[in-house]
PDB file of N, CA and C in Angstrom:
ATOM      1  N   MET A   1      26.280  -6.381  25.208  1.00  0.00           N
ATOM      2  CA  MET A   1      25.581  -5.113  25.711  1.00  0.00           C
ATOM      3  C   MET A   1      25.873  -5.086  27.338  1.00  0.00           C
ATOM      4  N   LYS A   2      25.858  -6.348  27.698  1.00  0.00           N
ATOM      5  CA  LYS A   2      26.155  -6.247  29.256  1.00  0.00           C
ATOM      6  C   LYS A   2      27.463  -6.397  29.682  1.00  0.00           C
ATOM      7  N   LEU A   3      28.458  -6.607  28.835  1.00  0.00           N
ATOM      8  CA  LEU A   3      29.910  -6.406  29.065  1.00  0.00           C
ATOM      9  C   LEU A   3      30.181  -4.797  28.894  1.00  0.00           C
ATOM     10  N   THR A   4      29.493  -4.202  28.087  1.00  0.00           N
ATOM     11  CA  THR A   4      29.734  -2.648  27.899  1.00  0.00           C
ATOM     12  C   THR A   4      29.326  -2.168  29.362  1.00  0.00           C
ATOM     13  N   LYS A   5      28.350  -2.307  29.702  1.00  0.00           N
ATOM     14  CA  LYS A   5      27.820  -1.861  31.046  1.00  0.00           C
ATOM     15  C   LYS A   5      28.722  -2.256  32.357  1.00  0.00           C
ATOM     16  N   ASN A   6      29.165  -3.376  32.323  1.00  0.00           N
ATOM     17  CA  ASN A   6      30.277  -3.726  33.389  1.00  0.00           C
ATOM     18  C   ASN A   6      31.409  -3.040  33.217  1.00  0.00           C
ATOM     19  N   LYS A   7      32.159  -2.892  32.009  1.00  0.00           N
ATOM     20  CA  LYS A   7      33.316  -2.060  31.876  1.00  0.00           C
ATOM     21  C   LYS A   7      33.096  -0.661  32.447  1.00  0.00           C
ATOM     22  N   ILE A   8      31.792  -0.011  32.185  1.00  0.00           N
ATOM     23  CA  ILE A   8      31.628   1.214  32.575  1.00  0.00           C
ATOM     24  C   ILE A   8      31.364   1.376  34.091  1.00  0.00           C
ATOM     25  N   LYS A   9      30.671   0.286  34.619  1.00  0.00           N
ATOM     26  CA  LYS A   9      30.530   0.107  36.122  1.00  0.00           C
ATOM     27  C   LYS A   9      31.788   0.033  36.834  1.00  0.00           C
ATOM     28  N   TYR A  10      32.812  -1.033  36.297  1.00  0.00           N
ATOM     29  CA  TYR A  10      34.063  -1.187  36.944  1.00  0.00           C
ATOM     30  C   TYR A  10      34.895   0.035  36.674  1.00  0.00           C
ATOM     31  N   SER A  11      34.958   0.731  35.464  1.00  0.00           N
ATOM     32  CA  SER A  11      35.758   2.121  35.496  1.00  0.00           C
ATOM     33  C   SER A  11      35.153   3.053  36.457  1.00  0.00           C
ATOM     34  N   LEU A  12      33.817   3.316  36.622  1.00  0.00           N
ATOM     35  CA  LEU A  12      33.394   4.199  37.677  1.00  0.00           C
ATOM     36  C   LEU A  12      33.731   3.644  39.025  1.00  0.00           C
ATOM     37  N   ILE A  13      33.589   2.540  39.356  1.00  0.00           N
ATOM     38  CA  ILE A  13      33.898   2.169  40.770  1.00  0.00           C
ATOM     39  C   ILE A  13      35.376   2.372  40.837  1.00  0.00           C
ATOM     40  N   PHE A  14      36.258   2.021  39.999  1.00  0.00           N
ATOM     41  CA  PHE A  14      37.586   2.272  40.180  1.00  0.00           C
ATOM     42  C   PHE A  14      37.901   3.642  40.428  1.00  0.00           C
ATOM     43  N   SER A  15      37.327   4.418  39.366  1.00  0.00           N
ATOM     44  CA  SER A  15      37.669   6.020  39.636  1.00  0.00           C
ATOM     45  C   SER A  15      37.075   6.588  40.868  1.00  0.00           C
ATOM     46  N   PHE A  16      36.065   6.323  41.399  1.00  0.00           N
ATOM     47  CA  PHE A  16      35.470   6.882  42.665  1.00  0.00           C
ATOM     48  C   PHE A  16      36.476   6.180  43.780  1.00  0.00           C
ATOM     49  N   THR A  17      36.902   5.003  43.712  1.00  0.00           N
ATOM     50  CA  THR A  17      37.721   4.591  44.944  1.00  0.00           C
ATOM     51  C   THR A  17      39.080   5.351  44.705  1.00  0.00           C
ATOM     52  N   LEU A  18      39.504   5.441  43.492  1.00  0.00           N
ATOM     53  CA  LEU A  18      40.828   6.322  43.600  1.00  0.00           C
ATOM     54  C   LEU A  18      40.737   7.617  43.981  1.00  0.00           C
ATOM     55  N   TYR A  19      39.706   8.259  43.525  1.00  0.00           N
ATOM     56  CA  TYR A  19      39.247   9.653  44.285  1.00  0.00           C
ATOM     57  C   TYR A  19      39.210   9.729  45.858  1.00  0.00           C
ATOM     58  N   LEU A  20      38.454   8.889  46.194  1.00  0.00           N
ATOM     59  CA  LEU A  20      38.470   8.707  47.657  1.00  0.00           C
ATOM     60  C   LEU A  20      39.733   8.426  48.363  1.00  0.00           C
ATOM     61  N   LEU A  21      40.530   7.665  47.703  1.00  0.00           N
ATOM     62  CA  LEU A  21      41.907   7.153  48.237  1.00  0.00           C
ATOM     63  C   LEU A  21      42.917   8.502  48.028  1.00  0.00           C
ATOM     64  N   ALA A  22      42.762   9.134  47.172  1.00  0.00           N
ATOM     65  CA  ALA A  22      43.636  10.350  46.978  1.00  0.00           C
ATOM     66  C   ALA A  22      43.150  11.582  47.973  1.00  0.00           C
ATOM     67  N   ASN A  23      42.053  11.691  47.952  1.00  0.00           N
ATOM     68  CA  ASN A  23      41.607  12.788  48.952  1.00  0.00           C
ATOM     69  C   ASN A  23      41.708  12.369  50.638  1.00  0.00           C
ATOM     70  N   LEU A  24      41.482  11.049  50.721  1.00  0.00           N
ATOM     71  CA  LEU A  24      41.981  10.444  52.130  1.00  0.00           C
ATOM     72  C   LEU A  24      43.365  10.662  52.296  1.00  0.00           C
ATOM     73  N   PHE A  25      44.250  10.401  51.477  1.00  0.00           N
ATOM     74  CA  PHE A  25      45.751  10.582  51.592  1.00  0.00           C
ATOM     75  C   PHE A  25      45.834  12.181  51.857  1.00  0.00           C
ATOM     76  N   ILE A  26      45.357  13.019  51.384  1.00  0.00           N
ATOM     77  CA  ILE A  26      45.547  14.390  51.557  1.00  0.00           C
ATOM     78  C   ILE A  26      44.978  15.058  53.011  1.00  0.00           C
ATOM     79  N   VAL A  27      43.954  14.254  53.412  1.00  0.00           N
ATOM     80  CA  VAL A  27      43.360  14.747  54.771  1.00  0.00           C
ATOM     81  C   VAL A  27      44.238  14.168  55.736  1.00  0.00           C
ATOM     82  N   MET A  28      44.788  12.906  55.523  1.00  0.00           N
ATOM     83  CA  MET A  28      45.780  12.267  56.538  1.00  0.00           C
ATOM     84  C   MET A  28      47.009  13.133  56.555  1.00  0.00           C
ATOM     85  N   GLN A  29      47.599  13.603  55.423  1.00  0.00           N
ATOM     86  CA  GLN A  29      48.756  14.372  55.496  1.00  0.00           C
ATOM     87  C   GLN A  29      48.491  15.618  56.123  1.00  0.00           C
ATOM     88  N   GLU A  30      47.359  16.205  56.106  1.00  0.00           N
ATOM     89  CA  GLU A  30      47.130  17.573  56.767  1.00  0.00           C
ATOM     90  C   GLU A  30      47.051  17.434  58.185  1.00  0.00           C
ATOM     91  N   LYS A  31      46.454  16.200  58.665  1.00  0.00           N
ATOM     92  CA  LYS A  31      46.376  15.874  60.071  1.00  0.00           C
ATOM     93  C   LYS A  31      47.794  15.611  60.785  1.00  0.00           C
ATOM     94  N   TYR A  32      48.585  14.834  59.940  1.00  0.00           N
ATOM     95  CA  TYR A  32      49.834  14.688  60.253  1.00  0.00           C
ATOM     96  C   TYR A  32      50.676  15.946  60.523  1.00  0.00           C
ATOM     97  N   TYR A  33      50.623  16.915  59.603  1.00  0.00           N
ATOM     98  CA  TYR A  33      51.330  18.132  60.076  1.00  0.00           C
ATOM     99  C   TYR A  33      50.651  18.967  61.116  1.00  0.00           C
ATOM    100  N   GLU A  34      49.543  18.904  61.359  1.00  0.00           N
ATOM    101  CA  GLU A  34      48.900  19.509  62.422  1.00  0.00           C
ATOM    102  C   GLU A  34      49.271  18.930  63.753  1.00  0.00           C
ATOM    103  N   ASN A  35      49.311  17.547  63.872  1.00  0.00           N
ATOM    104  CA  ASN A  35      49.709  16.941  64.847  1.00  0.00           C
ATOM    105  C   ASN A  35      51.345  17.158  65.355  1.00  0.00           C
ATOM    106  N   LYS A  36      52.070  17.330  64.233  1.00  0.00           N
ATOM    107  CA  LYS A  36      53.337  17.648  64.310  1.00  0.00           C
ATOM    108  C   LYS A  36      53.647  19.026  64.892  1.00  0.00           C
ATOM    109  N   LEU A  37      52.920  19.944  64.258  1.00  0.00           N
ATOM    110  CA  LEU A  37      52.989  21.357  64.954  1.00  0.00           C
ATOM    111  C   LEU A  37      52.525  21.567  66.159  1.00  0.00           C
ATOM    112  N   GLU A  38      51.493  20.667  66.721  1.00  0.00           N
ATOM    113  CA  GLU A  38      51.056  20.815  67.993  1.00  0.00           C
ATOM    114  C   GLU A  38      52.184  20.380  69.017  1.00  0.00           C
ATOM    115  N   LYS A  39      53.217  19.689  68.682  1.00  0.00           N
ATOM    116  CA  LYS A  39      54.169  19.173  69.610  1.00  0.00           C
ATOM    117  C   LYS A  39      55.034  20.345  69.719  1.00  0.00           C
ATOM    118  N   TYR A  40      55.192  21.481  68.892  1.00  0.00           N
ATOM    119  CA  TYR A  40      55.950  22.586  69.235  1.00  0.00           C
ATOM    120  C   TYR A  40      55.537  23.623  70.172  1.00  0.00           C
ATOM    121  N   ASP A  41      54.071  23.407  70.446  1.00  0.00           N
ATOM    122  CA  ASP A  41      53.443  24.370  71.438  1.00  0.00           C
ATOM    123  C   ASP A  41      53.561  23.592  72.834  1.00  0.00           C
ATOM    124  N   LEU A  42      54.772  24.078  73.441  1.00  0.00           N
ATOM    125  CA  LEU A  42      55.046  23.432  74.633  1.00  0.00           C
ATOM    126  C   LEU A  42      54.131  23.818  75.843  1.00  0.00           C
ATOM    127  N   ASN A  43      53.633  24.898  76.063  1.00  0.00           N
ATOM    128  CA  ASN A  43      52.863  25.295  77.123  1.00  0.00           C
ATOM    129  C   ASN A  43      51.198  25.103  76.762  1.00  0.00           C
ATOM    130  N   GLU A  44      51.060  24.651  75.474  1.00  0.00           N
ATOM    131  CA  GLU A  44      49.928  24.197  75.058  1.00  0.00           C
ATOM    132  C   GLU A  44      48.671  25.153  75.047  1.00  0.00           C
ATOM    133  N   ASN A  45      49.128  26.516  74.706  1.00  0.00           N
ATOM    134  CA  ASN A  45      48.196  27.742  75.233  1.00  0.00           C
ATOM    135  C   ASN A  45      47.567  27.993  73.581  1.00  0.00           C
ATOM    136  N   GLY A  46      47.922  27.349  72.796  1.00  0.00           N
ATOM    137  CA  GLY A  46      47.662  27.551  71.262  1.00  0.00           C
ATOM    138  C   GLY A  46      48.244  28.515  70.511  1.00  0.00           C
ATOM    139  N   PHE A  47      49.263  29.097  71.263  1.00  0.00           N
ATOM    140  CA  PHE A  47      50.115  30.066  70.577  1.00  0.00           C
ATOM    141  C   PHE A  47      51.510  29.816  70.813  1.00  0.00           C
ATOM    142  N   PHE A  48      52.269  30.473  69.725  1.00  0.00           N
ATOM    143  CA  PHE A  48      53.630  29.817  69.669  1.00  0.00           C
ATOM    144  C   PHE A  48      54.517  31.147  70.415  1.00  0.00           C
ATOM    145  N   GLU A  49      54.962  30.825  71.535  1.00  0.00           N
ATOM    146  CA  GLU A  49      55.769  32.111  72.396  1.00  0.00           C
ATOM    147  C   GLU A  49      57.303  31.989  71.478  1.00  0.00           C
ATOM    148  N   GLU A  50      57.906  33.082  71.778  1.00  0.00           N
ATOM    149  CA  GLU A  50      59.325  33.204  71.225  1.00  0.00           C
ATOM    150  C   GLU A  50      60.207  31.943  71.556  1.00  0.00           C
ATOM    151  N   TYR A  51      60.287  31.602  72.696  1.00  0.00           N
ATOM    152  CA  TYR A  51      61.130  30.295  72.869  1.00  0.00           C
ATOM    153  C   TYR A  51      60.691  29.085  72.232  1.00  0.00           C
ATOM    154  N   GLU A  52      59.141  28.979  71.687  1.00  0.00           N
ATOM    155  CA  GLU A  52      58.781  27.950  71.079  1.00  0.00           C
ATOM    156  C   GLU A  52      59.033  27.671  69.451  1.00  0.00           C
ATOM    157  N   ARG A  53      59.539  28.965  69.034  1.00  0.00           N
ATOM    158  CA  ARG A  53      59.718  29.109  67.595  1.00  0.00           C
ATOM    159  C   ARG A  53      61.014  28.686  67.200  1.00  0.00           C
ATOM    160  N   THR A  54      61.259  27.670  66.376  1.00  0.00           N
ATOM    161  CA  THR A  54      62.427  26.994  65.787  1.00  0.00           C
ATOM    162  C   THR A  54      62.494  26.929  64.259  1.00  0.00           C
ATOM    163  N   GLU A  55      63.414  26.799  63.689  1.00  0.00           N
ATOM    164  CA  GLU A  55      63.500  26.647  62.136  1.00  0.00           C
ATOM    165  C   GLU A  55      62.345  25.476  61.765  1.00  0.00           C
ATOM    166  N   LYS A  56      62.471  24.447  62.472  1.00  0.00           N
ATOM    167  CA  LYS A  56      61.561  23.301  62.172  1.00  0.00           C
ATOM    168  C   LYS A  56      60.141  23.478  62.416  1.00  0.00           C
ATOM    169  N   GLN A  57      59.829  24.314  63.472  1.00  0.00           N
ATOM    170  CA  GLN A  57      58.392  24.823  63.806  1.00  0.00           C
ATOM    171  C   GLN A  57      58.050  25.563  62.704  1.00  0.00           C
ATOM    172  N   GLN A  58      58.899  26.499  62.258  1.00  0.00           N
ATOM    173  CA  GLN A  58      58.434  27.544  61.341  1.00  0.00           C
ATOM    174  C   GLN A  58      58.144  26.705  59.786  1.00  0.00           C
ATOM    175  N   ILE A  59      58.920  25.753  59.530  1.00  0.00           N
ATOM    176  CA  ILE A  59      58.731  25.010  58.172  1.00  0.00           C
ATOM    177  C   ILE A  59      57.389  24.312  58.495  1.00  0.00           C
ATOM    178  N   THR A  60      57.178  23.586  59.537  1.00  0.00           N
ATOM    179  CA  THR A  60      55.909  22.826  59.801  1.00  0.00           C
ATOM    180  C   THR A  60      54.811  23.826  59.838  1.00  0.00           C
ATOM    181  N   LEU A  61      54.831  24.927  60.325  1.00  0.00           N
ATOM    182  CA  LEU A  61      53.743  25.965  60.392  1.00  0.00           C
ATOM    183  C   LEU A  61      53.396  26.339  59.005  1.00  0.00           C
ATOM    184  N   GLN A  62      54.484  26.421  57.917  1.00  0.00           N
ATOM    185  CA  GLN A  62      54.156  26.815  56.778  1.00  0.00           C
ATOM    186  C   GLN A  62      53.559  25.779  55.903  1.00  0.00           C
ATOM    187  N   LYS A  63      53.753  24.596  56.339  1.00  0.00           N
ATOM    188  CA  LYS A  63      53.322  23.487  55.610  1.00  0.00           C
ATOM    189  C   LYS A  63      51.706  23.265  56.063  1.00  0.00           C
ATOM    190  N   VAL A  64      51.391  23.648  57.359  1.00  0.00           N
ATOM    191  CA  VAL A  64      49.915  23.721  57.745  1.00  0.00           C
ATOM    192  C   VAL A  64      49.135  24.678  57.125  1.00  0.00           C
ATOM    193  N   SER A  65      50.049  26.141  57.025  1.00  0.00           N
ATOM    194  CA  SER A  65      49.131  27.139  56.868  1.00  0.00           C
ATOM    195  C   SER A  65      48.866  27.219  55.143  1.00  0.00           C
ATOM    196  N   ASN A  66      49.929  26.653  54.565  1.00  0.00           N
ATOM    197  CA  ASN A  66      49.607  26.653  52.924  1.00  0.00           C
ATOM    198  C   ASN A  66      48.718  25.585  52.483  1.00  0.00           C
ATOM    199  N   ASP A  67      47.357  25.688  53.032  1.00  0.00           N
ATOM    200  CA  ASP A  67      46.414  24.823  52.747  1.00  0.00           C
ATOM    201  C   ASP A  67      45.595  25.016  51.358  1.00  0.00           C
ATOM    202  N   THR A  68      45.920  25.963  50.717  1.00  0.00           N
ATOM    203  CA  THR A  68      45.255  26.181  49.286  1.00  0.00           C
ATOM    204  C   THR A  68      45.263  24.990  48.566  1.00  0.00           C
ATOM    205  N   PRO A  69      46.348  24.154  48.338  1.00  0.00           N
ATOM    206  CA  PRO A  69      46.463  23.172  47.387  1.00  0.00           C
ATOM    207  C   PRO A  69      45.499  21.996  48.135  1.00  0.00           C
ATOM    208  N   ARG A  70      45.335  21.757  49.384  1.00  0.00           N
ATOM    209  CA  ARG A  70      44.790  20.712  50.178  1.00  0.00           C
ATOM    210  C   ARG A  70      43.060  21.137  50.151  1.00  0.00           C
ATOM    211  N   ASN A  71      42.825  22.340  50.248  1.00  0.00           N
ATOM    212  CA  ASN A  71      41.371  23.023  50.259  1.00  0.00           C
ATOM    213  C   ASN A  71      40.890  22.625  48.620  1.00  0.00           C
ATOM    214  N   LEU A  72      41.732  22.855  47.470  1.00  0.00           N
ATOM    215  CA  LEU A  72      41.498  22.726  46.138  1.00  0.00           C
ATOM    216  C   LEU A  72      41.370  21.142  45.755  1.00  0.00           C
ATOM    217  N   ALA A  73      41.900  20.319  46.535  1.00  0.00           N
ATOM    218  CA  ALA A  73      42.250  18.830  45.995  1.00  0.00           C
ATOM    219  C   ALA A  73      41.000  18.078  45.528  1.00  0.00           C
ATOM    220  N   PRO A  74      39.966  18.385  46.506  1.00  0.00           N
ATOM    221  CA  PRO A  74      38.785  17.745  45.957  1.00  0.00           C
ATOM    222  C   PRO A  74      38.309  17.952  44.565  1.00  0.00           C
ATOM    223  N   PHE A  75      38.707  19.117  43.919  1.00  0.00           N
ATOM    224  CA  PHE A  75      38.424  19.540  42.648  1.00  0.00           C
ATOM    225  C   PHE A  75      39.447  19.278  41.847  1.00  0.00           C
ATOM    226  N   THR A  76      40.690  19.475  42.327  1.00  0.00           N
ATOM    227  CA  THR A  76      41.828  19.103  41.440  1.00  0.00           C
ATOM    228  C   THR A  76      41.893  17.754  40.984  1.00  0.00           C
ATOM    229  N   THR A  77      41.535  16.928  41.871  1.00  0.00           N
ATOM    230  CA  THR A  77      41.890  15.325  41.665  1.00  0.00           C
ATOM    231  C   THR A  77      41.006  14.888  40.634  1.00  0.00           C
ATOM    232  N   ILE A  78      39.833  15.703  40.399  1.00  0.00           N
ATOM    233  CA  ILE A  78      38.664  15.152  39.603  1.00  0.00           C
ATOM    234  C   ILE A  78      39.121  14.753  37.938  1.00  0.00           C
ATOM    235  N   PRO A  79      39.897  15.753  37.389  1.00  0.00           N
ATOM    236  CA  PRO A  79      40.483  15.298  36.040  1.00  0.00           C
ATOM    237  C   PRO A  79      41.156  14.285  36.106  1.00  0.00           C
ATOM    238  N   LEU A  80      42.133  14.214  36.886  1.00  0.00           N
ATOM    239  CA  LEU A  80      43.233  12.959  37.040  1.00  0.00           C
ATOM    240  C   LEU A  80      42.385  11.660  37.002  1.00  0.00           C
ATOM    241  N   VAL A  81      41.397  11.590  37.943  1.00  0.00           N
ATOM    242  CA  VAL A  81      40.575  10.293  38.231  1.00  0.00           C
ATOM    243  C   VAL A  81      39.825  10.117  36.919  1.00  0.00           C
ATOM    244  N   ILE A  82      39.271  10.978  36.348  1.00  0.00           N
ATOM    245  CA  ILE A  82      38.563  10.832  34.982  1.00  0.00           C
ATOM    246  C   ILE A  82      39.514  10.296  33.795  1.00  0.00           C
ATOM    247  N   ILE A  83      40.618  11.012  33.769  1.00  0.00           N
ATOM    248  CA  ILE A  83      41.564  10.171  32.811  1.00  0.00           C
ATOM    249  C   ILE A  83      41.972   8.812  33.294  1.00  0.00           C
ATOM    250  N   VAL A  84      42.278   8.701  34.442  1.00  0.00           N
ATOM    251  CA  VAL A  84      42.485   7.195  34.882  1.00  0.00           C
ATOM    252  C   VAL A  84      41.170   6.246  34.824  1.00  0.00           C
ATOM    253  N   GLY A  85      40.187   6.693  35.028  1.00  0.00           N
ATOM    254  CA  GLY A  85      38.967   5.720  34.629  1.00  0.00           C
ATOM    255  C   GLY A  85      38.763   5.640  33.317  1.00  0.00           C
ATOM    256  N   LEU A  86      38.991   6.663  32.363  1.00  0.00           N
ATOM    257  CA  LEU A  86      38.922   6.508  31.001  1.00  0.00           C
ATOM    258  C   LEU A  86      39.941   5.560  30.369  1.00  0.00           C
ATOM    259  N   LEU A  87      41.077   5.387  30.991  1.00  0.00           N
ATOM    260  CA  LEU A  87      42.227   4.431  30.692  1.00  0.00           C
ATOM    261  C   LEU A  87      41.666   2.997  31.317  1.00  0.00           C
ATOM    262  N   MET A  88      40.953   3.066  32.160  1.00  0.00           N
ATOM    263  CA  MET A  88      40.533   1.691  32.730  1.00  0.00           C
ATOM    264  C   MET A  88      39.611   1.067  31.895  1.00  0.00           C
ATOM    265  N   TRP A  89      38.679   2.029  31.467  1.00  0.00           N
ATOM    266  CA  TRP A  89      37.727   1.583  30.486  1.00  0.00           C
ATOM    267  C   TRP A  89      38.400   0.940  29.029  1.00  0.00           C
ATOM    268  N   ALA A  90      39.089   1.869  28.665  1.00  0.00           N
ATOM    269  CA  ALA A  90      39.756   1.502  27.490  1.00  0.00           C
ATOM    270  C   ALA A  90      40.615   0.112  27.446  1.00  0.00           C
ATOM    271  N   THR A  91      41.323  -0.155  28.557  1.00  0.00           N
ATOM    272  CA  THR A  91      41.901  -1.267  28.977  1.00  0.00           C
ATOM    273  C   THR A  91      40.937  -2.474  28.965  1.00  0.00           C
ATOM    274  N   LEU A  92      39.888  -2.318  29.662  1.00  0.00           N
ATOM    275  CA  LEU A  92      38.617  -3.465  29.546  1.00  0.00           C
ATOM    276  C   LEU A  92      38.386  -3.663  28.152  1.00  0.00           C
ATOM    277  N   LYS A  93      38.165  -2.748  27.470  1.00  0.00           N
ATOM    278  CA  LYS A  93      37.620  -2.745  26.177  1.00  0.00           C
ATOM    279  C   LYS A  93      38.561  -3.634  25.172  1.00  0.00           C
ATOM    280  N   VAL A  94      39.856  -3.352  25.356  1.00  0.00           N
ATOM    281  CA  VAL A  94      40.806  -3.892  24.604  1.00  0.00           C
ATOM    282  C   VAL A  94      40.823  -5.363  25.118  1.00  0.00           C
ATOM    283  N   ILE A  95      40.940  -5.795  26.390  1.00  0.00           N
ATOM    284  CA  ILE A  95      40.967  -7.282  26.914  1.00  0.00           C
ATOM    285  C   ILE A  95      39.716  -7.846  26.368  1.00  0.00           C
ATOM    286  N   GLU A  96      38.538  -7.179  26.267  1.00  0.00           N
ATOM    287  CA  GLU A  96      37.202  -7.929  25.854  1.00  0.00           C
ATOM    288  C   GLU A  96      37.442  -8.348  24.389  1.00  0.00           C
ATOM    289  N   LYS A  97      37.982  -7.398  23.663  1.00  0.00           N
ATOM    290  CA  LYS A  97      38.026  -7.561  22.128  1.00  0.00           C
ATOM    291  C   LYS A  97      39.088  -8.643  21.935  1.00  0.00           C
ATOM    292  N   LYS A  98      40.280  -8.759  22.699  1.00  0.00           N
ATOM    293  CA  LYS A  98      41.044  -9.786  22.483  1.00  0.00           C
ATOM    294  C   LYS A  98      40.488 -11.292  22.958  1.00  0.00           C
ATOM    295  N   ARG A  99      39.495 -11.121  23.879  1.00  0.00           N
ATOM    296  CA  ARG A  99      38.688 -12.410  24.261  1.00  0.00           C
ATOM    297  C   ARG A  99      38.017 -13.045  23.262  1.00  0.00           C
ATOM    298  N   LEU A 100      37.355 -11.908  22.400  1.00  0.00           N
ATOM    299  CA  LEU A 100      36.551 -12.427  21.268  1.00  0.00           C
ATOM    300  C   LEU A 100      37.173 -12.867  20.107  1.00  0.00           C
ATOM    301  N   ILE A 101      38.445 -12.611  19.934  1.00  0.00           N
ATOM    302  CA  ILE A 101      39.227 -12.867  18.645  1.00  0.00           C
ATOM    303  C   ILE A 101      39.729 -14.334  18.960  1.00  0.00           C
TER     304      ILE A 101
END
């Protein structure tokens, strides 16, 4: 019985850690693109004048402004993390059965 609780506990810890890491990566990526975009604002007024607009600036601006996937990431990563947690639990269960044999 104790081994079962440990498997569940380890699977939950692993899943929660994976969830945090995935969302941390997404936040770091967002900050990276925002910092990259700020470098194109040469006069640092918060707006992009005509002479500051380049093809690379437009691509970076689109990456920053296309924030729907990043905003939904806390919700969309949940099913994936649950699946990985269940796989972890099943793996621990198989390992336990092999040890008992």
